[in-house]
N, C-alpha and C. Protein backbone atom coordinates (compact mmCIF):
# COMPACT_ATOMS: atom_id res chain seq x y z
N MET A 1 21.06 -30.15 -37.16
CA MET A 1 20.54 -29.03 -37.86
C MET A 1 21.50 -28.51 -38.88
N LYS A 2 21.09 -28.30 -40.09
CA LYS A 2 21.96 -27.84 -41.13
C LYS A 2 22.19 -26.43 -40.92
N ARG A 3 23.36 -25.92 -41.21
CA ARG A 3 23.70 -24.46 -41.12
C ARG A 3 24.03 -24.00 -42.56
N VAL A 4 23.15 -23.07 -43.03
CA VAL A 4 23.16 -22.60 -44.41
C VAL A 4 23.73 -21.16 -44.50
N MET A 5 24.67 -20.92 -45.45
CA MET A 5 25.17 -19.61 -45.80
C MET A 5 24.76 -19.26 -47.30
N PHE A 6 24.00 -18.22 -47.50
CA PHE A 6 23.66 -17.71 -48.84
C PHE A 6 24.57 -16.54 -49.08
N VAL A 7 25.35 -16.60 -50.23
CA VAL A 7 26.30 -15.68 -50.59
C VAL A 7 25.98 -15.02 -51.89
N CYS A 8 26.22 -13.73 -52.05
CA CYS A 8 25.99 -12.92 -53.19
C CYS A 8 27.13 -11.91 -53.29
N LYS A 9 27.30 -11.16 -54.32
CA LYS A 9 28.31 -10.12 -54.42
C LYS A 9 28.11 -9.01 -53.47
N THR A 10 26.91 -8.48 -53.35
CA THR A 10 26.73 -7.33 -52.39
C THR A 10 25.66 -7.59 -51.20
N ASN A 11 25.17 -8.72 -51.19
CA ASN A 11 24.16 -9.17 -50.00
C ASN A 11 23.15 -8.07 -49.87
N SER A 12 22.60 -7.73 -51.05
CA SER A 12 21.54 -6.58 -50.90
C SER A 12 20.21 -7.04 -51.57
N ARG A 13 20.12 -8.05 -52.41
CA ARG A 13 19.02 -8.53 -53.03
C ARG A 13 18.70 -10.02 -53.04
N ARG A 14 19.34 -10.84 -53.78
CA ARG A 14 19.15 -12.26 -54.03
C ARG A 14 19.39 -12.99 -52.63
N SER A 15 20.51 -12.81 -52.05
CA SER A 15 20.87 -13.61 -50.87
C SER A 15 20.08 -13.14 -49.70
N GLN A 16 19.65 -11.97 -49.73
CA GLN A 16 18.61 -11.37 -48.74
C GLN A 16 17.35 -12.09 -48.78
N MET A 17 16.81 -12.28 -49.96
CA MET A 17 15.59 -12.81 -50.21
C MET A 17 15.61 -14.44 -49.88
N ALA A 18 16.74 -15.04 -50.26
CA ALA A 18 16.96 -16.50 -49.88
C ALA A 18 17.03 -16.64 -48.36
N GLU A 19 17.82 -15.77 -47.73
CA GLU A 19 17.77 -15.82 -46.24
C GLU A 19 16.31 -15.78 -45.64
N GLY A 20 15.51 -14.75 -46.16
CA GLY A 20 14.07 -14.56 -45.70
C GLY A 20 13.34 -15.85 -45.97
N PHE A 21 13.28 -16.32 -47.17
CA PHE A 21 12.62 -17.56 -47.55
C PHE A 21 12.99 -18.80 -46.56
N ALA A 22 14.34 -18.94 -46.52
CA ALA A 22 14.82 -20.06 -45.70
C ALA A 22 14.34 -20.08 -44.22
N ARG A 23 14.42 -18.82 -43.71
CA ARG A 23 13.89 -18.57 -42.30
C ARG A 23 12.57 -19.08 -42.18
N GLN A 24 11.68 -18.55 -43.07
CA GLN A 24 10.30 -18.83 -42.83
C GLN A 24 9.84 -20.20 -43.37
N LEU A 25 10.35 -20.69 -44.54
CA LEU A 25 10.00 -22.06 -45.00
C LEU A 25 10.53 -23.22 -44.17
N SER A 26 11.63 -22.99 -43.55
CA SER A 26 12.37 -24.09 -42.68
C SER A 26 11.75 -24.23 -41.34
N ALA A 27 10.92 -23.33 -40.95
CA ALA A 27 10.19 -23.37 -39.59
C ALA A 27 11.24 -23.64 -38.51
N GLY A 28 12.53 -23.07 -38.54
CA GLY A 28 13.34 -23.22 -37.54
C GLY A 28 14.18 -24.56 -37.72
N LYS A 29 14.01 -25.31 -38.71
CA LYS A 29 14.84 -26.49 -38.84
C LYS A 29 16.10 -26.44 -39.37
N ILE A 30 16.54 -25.32 -39.95
CA ILE A 30 17.86 -24.91 -40.38
C ILE A 30 18.27 -23.62 -39.72
N GLN A 31 19.51 -23.47 -39.61
CA GLN A 31 20.17 -22.13 -39.24
C GLN A 31 20.57 -21.47 -40.51
N VAL A 32 20.21 -20.25 -40.69
CA VAL A 32 20.51 -19.56 -41.99
C VAL A 32 21.12 -18.14 -41.83
N MET A 33 22.00 -17.82 -42.74
CA MET A 33 22.65 -16.47 -42.66
C MET A 33 22.87 -16.16 -44.19
N SER A 34 23.03 -14.90 -44.40
CA SER A 34 23.54 -14.42 -45.71
C SER A 34 24.62 -13.53 -45.59
N ALA A 35 25.48 -13.37 -46.50
CA ALA A 35 26.62 -12.52 -46.57
C ALA A 35 27.11 -12.14 -48.05
N GLY A 36 27.90 -11.15 -48.22
CA GLY A 36 28.31 -10.82 -49.51
C GLY A 36 29.81 -10.57 -49.61
N LEU A 37 30.41 -10.58 -50.80
CA LEU A 37 31.81 -10.46 -51.01
C LEU A 37 32.03 -8.99 -50.68
N GLU A 38 30.93 -8.05 -50.92
CA GLU A 38 30.93 -6.70 -50.53
C GLU A 38 29.65 -6.47 -49.78
N THR A 39 29.42 -5.32 -49.20
CA THR A 39 28.20 -5.10 -48.64
C THR A 39 27.56 -3.78 -49.26
N ASN A 40 26.29 -3.62 -49.00
CA ASN A 40 25.50 -2.58 -49.61
C ASN A 40 24.24 -2.50 -48.79
N GLN A 41 23.47 -1.44 -49.06
CA GLN A 41 22.12 -1.31 -48.48
C GLN A 41 21.27 -2.40 -49.14
N ILE A 42 20.20 -2.86 -48.31
CA ILE A 42 19.24 -3.72 -48.83
C ILE A 42 18.38 -3.07 -49.83
N ASP A 43 18.18 -3.55 -51.04
CA ASP A 43 17.41 -2.97 -52.03
C ASP A 43 16.06 -2.79 -51.67
N PRO A 44 15.42 -1.64 -51.61
CA PRO A 44 14.09 -1.48 -51.18
C PRO A 44 13.08 -2.27 -52.06
N LEU A 45 13.36 -2.62 -53.25
CA LEU A 45 12.51 -3.37 -54.07
C LEU A 45 12.48 -4.76 -53.65
N ALA A 46 13.74 -5.33 -53.14
CA ALA A 46 13.78 -6.60 -52.61
C ALA A 46 12.94 -6.67 -51.24
N ILE A 47 12.87 -5.68 -50.55
CA ILE A 47 12.09 -5.64 -49.19
C ILE A 47 10.62 -5.62 -49.76
N GLN A 48 10.26 -4.90 -50.65
CA GLN A 48 8.97 -4.77 -51.15
C GLN A 48 8.26 -6.13 -51.69
N VAL A 49 9.10 -6.73 -52.61
CA VAL A 49 8.58 -8.04 -53.23
C VAL A 49 8.51 -9.03 -52.14
N MET A 50 9.29 -9.06 -51.14
CA MET A 50 9.26 -10.04 -50.10
C MET A 50 8.07 -9.78 -49.24
N SER A 51 7.80 -8.52 -48.97
CA SER A 51 6.55 -8.23 -48.23
C SER A 51 5.30 -8.59 -48.78
N GLU A 52 5.28 -8.63 -50.25
CA GLU A 52 4.08 -9.08 -51.06
C GLU A 52 3.71 -10.49 -50.70
N VAL A 53 4.82 -11.24 -50.26
CA VAL A 53 4.47 -12.73 -49.98
C VAL A 53 4.49 -12.84 -48.53
N GLY A 54 4.47 -11.91 -47.67
CA GLY A 54 4.27 -11.99 -46.24
C GLY A 54 5.61 -12.22 -45.51
N ILE A 55 6.77 -11.94 -46.06
CA ILE A 55 8.12 -12.06 -45.40
C ILE A 55 8.67 -10.75 -45.33
N ASP A 56 8.97 -10.35 -44.06
CA ASP A 56 9.52 -9.05 -43.73
C ASP A 56 11.13 -9.23 -43.64
N ILE A 57 11.80 -8.63 -44.56
CA ILE A 57 13.36 -8.74 -44.47
C ILE A 57 13.85 -7.41 -44.16
N SER A 58 13.09 -6.45 -43.92
CA SER A 58 13.49 -5.07 -43.58
C SER A 58 14.52 -4.83 -42.37
N SER A 59 14.45 -5.89 -41.60
CA SER A 59 15.45 -5.63 -40.53
C SER A 59 16.76 -6.47 -40.70
N GLN A 60 16.83 -7.18 -41.83
CA GLN A 60 18.08 -7.75 -42.14
C GLN A 60 19.07 -6.82 -42.53
N THR A 61 20.30 -7.14 -42.37
CA THR A 61 21.40 -6.26 -42.80
C THR A 61 22.40 -6.91 -43.86
N SER A 62 23.10 -6.18 -44.59
CA SER A 62 24.16 -6.58 -45.56
C SER A 62 25.41 -6.86 -44.65
N LYS A 63 25.95 -8.18 -44.75
CA LYS A 63 27.00 -8.49 -43.92
C LYS A 63 28.22 -8.98 -44.87
N PRO A 64 29.42 -8.64 -44.43
CA PRO A 64 30.58 -9.13 -45.24
C PRO A 64 30.94 -10.65 -44.92
N LEU A 65 31.13 -11.32 -45.94
CA LEU A 65 31.48 -12.76 -45.79
C LEU A 65 32.72 -12.93 -44.94
N HIS A 66 33.65 -12.08 -44.92
CA HIS A 66 34.86 -12.31 -44.11
C HIS A 66 34.60 -12.31 -42.64
N ASN A 67 33.44 -11.78 -42.25
CA ASN A 67 33.07 -11.81 -40.74
C ASN A 67 32.73 -13.18 -40.33
N PHE A 68 32.59 -14.18 -41.23
CA PHE A 68 32.15 -15.51 -40.88
C PHE A 68 33.23 -16.52 -41.07
N ASN A 69 33.01 -17.71 -40.46
CA ASN A 69 34.00 -18.87 -40.50
C ASN A 69 33.31 -19.98 -41.40
N PRO A 70 33.99 -20.34 -42.59
CA PRO A 70 33.31 -21.44 -43.39
C PRO A 70 33.08 -22.61 -42.54
N GLU A 71 33.84 -23.02 -41.52
CA GLU A 71 33.74 -24.25 -40.79
C GLU A 71 32.34 -24.24 -39.98
N ASP A 72 31.71 -23.02 -39.89
CA ASP A 72 30.52 -22.93 -39.15
C ASP A 72 29.43 -23.19 -39.95
N TYR A 73 29.51 -23.57 -41.28
CA TYR A 73 28.40 -23.88 -42.17
C TYR A 73 28.61 -25.14 -42.94
N ASP A 74 27.46 -25.85 -43.02
CA ASP A 74 27.45 -27.11 -43.81
C ASP A 74 27.14 -26.87 -45.17
N VAL A 75 26.42 -25.88 -45.58
CA VAL A 75 25.92 -25.61 -46.91
C VAL A 75 26.19 -24.22 -47.32
N VAL A 76 26.76 -24.10 -48.47
CA VAL A 76 27.09 -22.65 -48.98
C VAL A 76 26.33 -22.66 -50.36
N ILE A 77 25.50 -21.63 -50.53
CA ILE A 77 24.82 -21.39 -51.74
C ILE A 77 25.19 -19.93 -52.31
N SER A 78 25.78 -19.96 -53.45
CA SER A 78 26.09 -18.81 -54.17
C SER A 78 24.82 -18.48 -55.07
N LEU A 79 24.31 -17.36 -55.12
CA LEU A 79 23.07 -16.97 -55.87
C LEU A 79 23.58 -16.21 -57.26
N CYS A 80 24.87 -15.79 -57.33
CA CYS A 80 25.01 -14.96 -58.48
C CYS A 80 26.23 -15.44 -59.37
N GLY A 81 26.65 -16.61 -59.11
CA GLY A 81 27.84 -16.95 -59.96
C GLY A 81 29.13 -16.66 -59.34
N CYS A 82 29.12 -16.04 -58.12
CA CYS A 82 30.23 -15.54 -57.53
C CYS A 82 31.08 -16.66 -56.86
N GLY A 83 30.68 -17.88 -57.05
CA GLY A 83 31.46 -18.95 -56.38
C GLY A 83 32.89 -19.09 -56.90
N VAL A 84 33.08 -18.64 -58.05
CA VAL A 84 34.56 -18.55 -58.69
C VAL A 84 35.38 -17.66 -57.87
N ASN A 85 34.77 -16.59 -57.15
CA ASN A 85 35.45 -15.66 -56.44
C ASN A 85 35.63 -15.89 -54.93
N LEU A 86 34.94 -17.00 -54.57
CA LEU A 86 34.94 -17.28 -53.05
C LEU A 86 36.25 -17.97 -52.74
N PRO A 87 36.70 -17.80 -51.40
CA PRO A 87 37.87 -18.52 -50.98
C PRO A 87 37.55 -20.06 -51.00
N GLU A 88 38.51 -20.87 -51.24
CA GLU A 88 38.32 -22.33 -51.43
C GLU A 88 37.62 -22.90 -50.23
N SER A 89 37.92 -22.37 -48.98
CA SER A 89 37.36 -22.96 -47.81
C SER A 89 35.81 -22.84 -47.85
N TRP A 90 35.27 -21.95 -48.56
CA TRP A 90 33.80 -21.78 -48.60
C TRP A 90 33.24 -22.74 -49.54
N VAL A 91 34.04 -22.99 -50.61
CA VAL A 91 33.51 -23.84 -51.71
C VAL A 91 33.53 -25.41 -51.32
N LEU A 92 34.27 -25.73 -50.35
CA LEU A 92 34.68 -27.14 -49.98
C LEU A 92 33.70 -27.46 -48.87
N ARG A 93 32.61 -26.96 -48.59
CA ARG A 93 31.74 -27.26 -47.59
C ARG A 93 31.12 -28.61 -47.89
N GLU A 94 30.27 -29.19 -47.09
CA GLU A 94 29.50 -30.45 -47.33
C GLU A 94 28.61 -30.39 -48.49
N VAL A 95 28.01 -29.10 -48.80
CA VAL A 95 27.33 -28.88 -49.95
C VAL A 95 27.61 -27.51 -50.44
N PHE A 96 28.00 -27.42 -51.67
CA PHE A 96 28.10 -26.00 -52.32
C PHE A 96 27.40 -25.99 -53.60
N GLN A 97 26.65 -25.06 -53.88
CA GLN A 97 25.81 -24.86 -55.04
C GLN A 97 25.91 -23.50 -55.53
N ASP A 98 26.02 -23.33 -56.88
CA ASP A 98 26.06 -21.95 -57.43
C ASP A 98 24.86 -21.79 -58.31
N TRP A 99 23.83 -21.09 -57.84
CA TRP A 99 22.56 -20.99 -58.53
C TRP A 99 22.44 -20.07 -59.70
N GLN A 100 23.49 -19.14 -59.79
CA GLN A 100 23.60 -18.10 -60.92
C GLN A 100 22.31 -17.48 -61.45
N LEU A 101 21.62 -16.88 -60.46
CA LEU A 101 20.35 -16.23 -60.74
C LEU A 101 20.60 -14.74 -61.17
N GLU A 102 19.73 -14.36 -62.01
CA GLU A 102 19.91 -13.01 -62.59
C GLU A 102 19.82 -11.83 -61.38
N ASP A 103 20.73 -10.88 -61.49
CA ASP A 103 20.58 -9.90 -60.63
C ASP A 103 19.56 -8.77 -61.22
N PRO A 104 18.56 -8.65 -60.23
CA PRO A 104 17.49 -7.64 -60.55
C PRO A 104 17.75 -6.24 -60.41
N GLN A 105 19.03 -5.89 -59.89
CA GLN A 105 19.45 -4.42 -59.71
C GLN A 105 19.02 -3.63 -60.88
N GLY A 106 18.25 -2.57 -60.73
CA GLY A 106 18.03 -1.62 -61.68
C GLY A 106 16.83 -1.99 -62.68
N GLN A 107 16.34 -3.19 -62.42
CA GLN A 107 15.36 -3.79 -63.29
C GLN A 107 13.87 -3.49 -62.79
N SER A 108 12.85 -3.77 -63.44
CA SER A 108 11.57 -3.59 -63.07
C SER A 108 11.09 -4.46 -61.97
N ILE A 109 10.10 -4.07 -61.21
CA ILE A 109 9.67 -4.73 -60.12
C ILE A 109 9.17 -6.09 -60.63
N GLU A 110 8.74 -6.26 -61.81
CA GLU A 110 8.35 -7.55 -62.29
C GLU A 110 9.58 -8.49 -62.31
N THR A 111 10.70 -7.98 -62.71
CA THR A 111 11.92 -8.83 -62.75
C THR A 111 12.25 -9.30 -61.28
N PHE A 112 12.18 -8.46 -60.31
CA PHE A 112 12.30 -8.73 -58.88
C PHE A 112 11.35 -9.81 -58.57
N ARG A 113 10.20 -9.77 -59.02
CA ARG A 113 9.25 -10.90 -58.56
C ARG A 113 9.52 -12.09 -59.29
N GLN A 114 10.13 -12.15 -60.39
CA GLN A 114 10.41 -13.37 -61.19
C GLN A 114 11.68 -14.00 -60.46
N VAL A 115 12.60 -13.18 -60.03
CA VAL A 115 13.82 -13.58 -59.28
C VAL A 115 13.34 -14.21 -57.95
N ARG A 116 12.52 -13.52 -57.37
CA ARG A 116 11.88 -13.94 -55.97
C ARG A 116 11.25 -15.29 -56.08
N SER A 117 10.54 -15.54 -57.20
CA SER A 117 9.89 -16.87 -57.49
C SER A 117 10.96 -17.96 -57.62
N GLN A 118 11.96 -17.72 -58.35
CA GLN A 118 13.05 -18.66 -58.57
C GLN A 118 13.78 -18.95 -57.35
N ILE A 119 14.02 -17.95 -56.50
CA ILE A 119 14.61 -18.16 -55.20
C ILE A 119 13.87 -19.16 -54.26
N LYS A 120 12.44 -18.71 -54.25
CA LYS A 120 11.65 -19.53 -53.41
C LYS A 120 11.62 -20.85 -53.75
N GLU A 121 11.46 -21.27 -55.03
CA GLU A 121 11.48 -22.67 -55.54
C GLU A 121 12.76 -23.35 -55.22
N ARG A 122 13.93 -22.67 -55.32
CA ARG A 122 15.21 -23.26 -55.11
C ARG A 122 15.41 -23.68 -53.62
N VAL A 123 14.90 -22.55 -52.74
CA VAL A 123 14.99 -22.76 -51.29
C VAL A 123 14.24 -23.83 -50.90
N GLU A 124 13.01 -24.01 -51.41
CA GLU A 124 12.03 -25.03 -51.12
C GLU A 124 12.73 -26.41 -51.47
N GLN A 125 13.29 -26.51 -52.62
CA GLN A 125 14.01 -27.76 -53.00
C GLN A 125 15.18 -28.08 -52.11
N LEU A 126 15.91 -27.03 -51.76
CA LEU A 126 17.09 -27.27 -50.81
C LEU A 126 16.55 -27.77 -49.43
N ILE A 127 15.49 -27.12 -48.89
CA ILE A 127 14.99 -27.63 -47.60
C ILE A 127 14.46 -29.12 -47.81
N GLN A 128 13.83 -29.36 -48.90
CA GLN A 128 13.30 -30.66 -49.17
C GLN A 128 14.53 -31.79 -49.18
N SER A 129 15.50 -31.34 -49.79
CA SER A 129 16.78 -32.22 -49.88
C SER A 129 17.13 -32.56 -48.56
N PHE A 130 17.08 -31.75 -47.53
CA PHE A 130 17.54 -31.99 -46.17
C PHE A 130 16.71 -33.14 -45.57
N SER A 131 15.36 -32.92 -45.81
CA SER A 131 14.40 -33.95 -45.28
C SER A 131 14.62 -35.32 -45.91
N THR A 132 14.95 -35.33 -47.25
CA THR A 132 15.02 -36.52 -48.02
C THR A 132 16.39 -37.16 -47.49
N GLU A 133 17.45 -36.38 -47.28
CA GLU A 133 18.75 -36.89 -46.78
C GLU A 133 18.51 -37.47 -45.47
N LYS A 134 17.77 -36.89 -44.55
CA LYS A 134 17.50 -37.52 -43.20
C LYS A 134 16.88 -38.77 -43.30
N ALA A 135 15.90 -38.91 -44.21
CA ALA A 135 15.11 -40.11 -44.36
C ALA A 135 15.98 -41.30 -44.85
N ASN A 136 16.97 -40.97 -45.57
CA ASN A 136 17.97 -42.06 -46.22
C ASN A 136 18.92 -42.44 -45.36
N ILE A 137 19.02 -41.93 -44.06
CA ILE A 137 20.18 -42.41 -43.12
C ILE A 137 19.73 -43.50 -42.31
């Protein structure tokens, strides 16, 4: 089972949405967590746009990355371009990707929906890549 960490600057929007999608879309086939270089409250608009697609992230919390061990994760995904600020031990996992998605903070709900759609698409591709990888072994 792959262990995935989604990382963002404050773990309050993009990484929280990615965690929610990964939990739902993987149907328990991966272990997933999200964390931030800093922490903050979960953005109410992130909670709202995820509830629009039937995913409740209201009980998720913002967690500091330093509370986790990089060795406990196979895959690390940065959603905000913060990969350059991550300790090297996080970047050198089996898979590291930096998706560099727009931060919807302070933007319209429509921007949150656009970012949500981008995250869903990327999470689906990520989960699919695990299935393809298994088939090639």
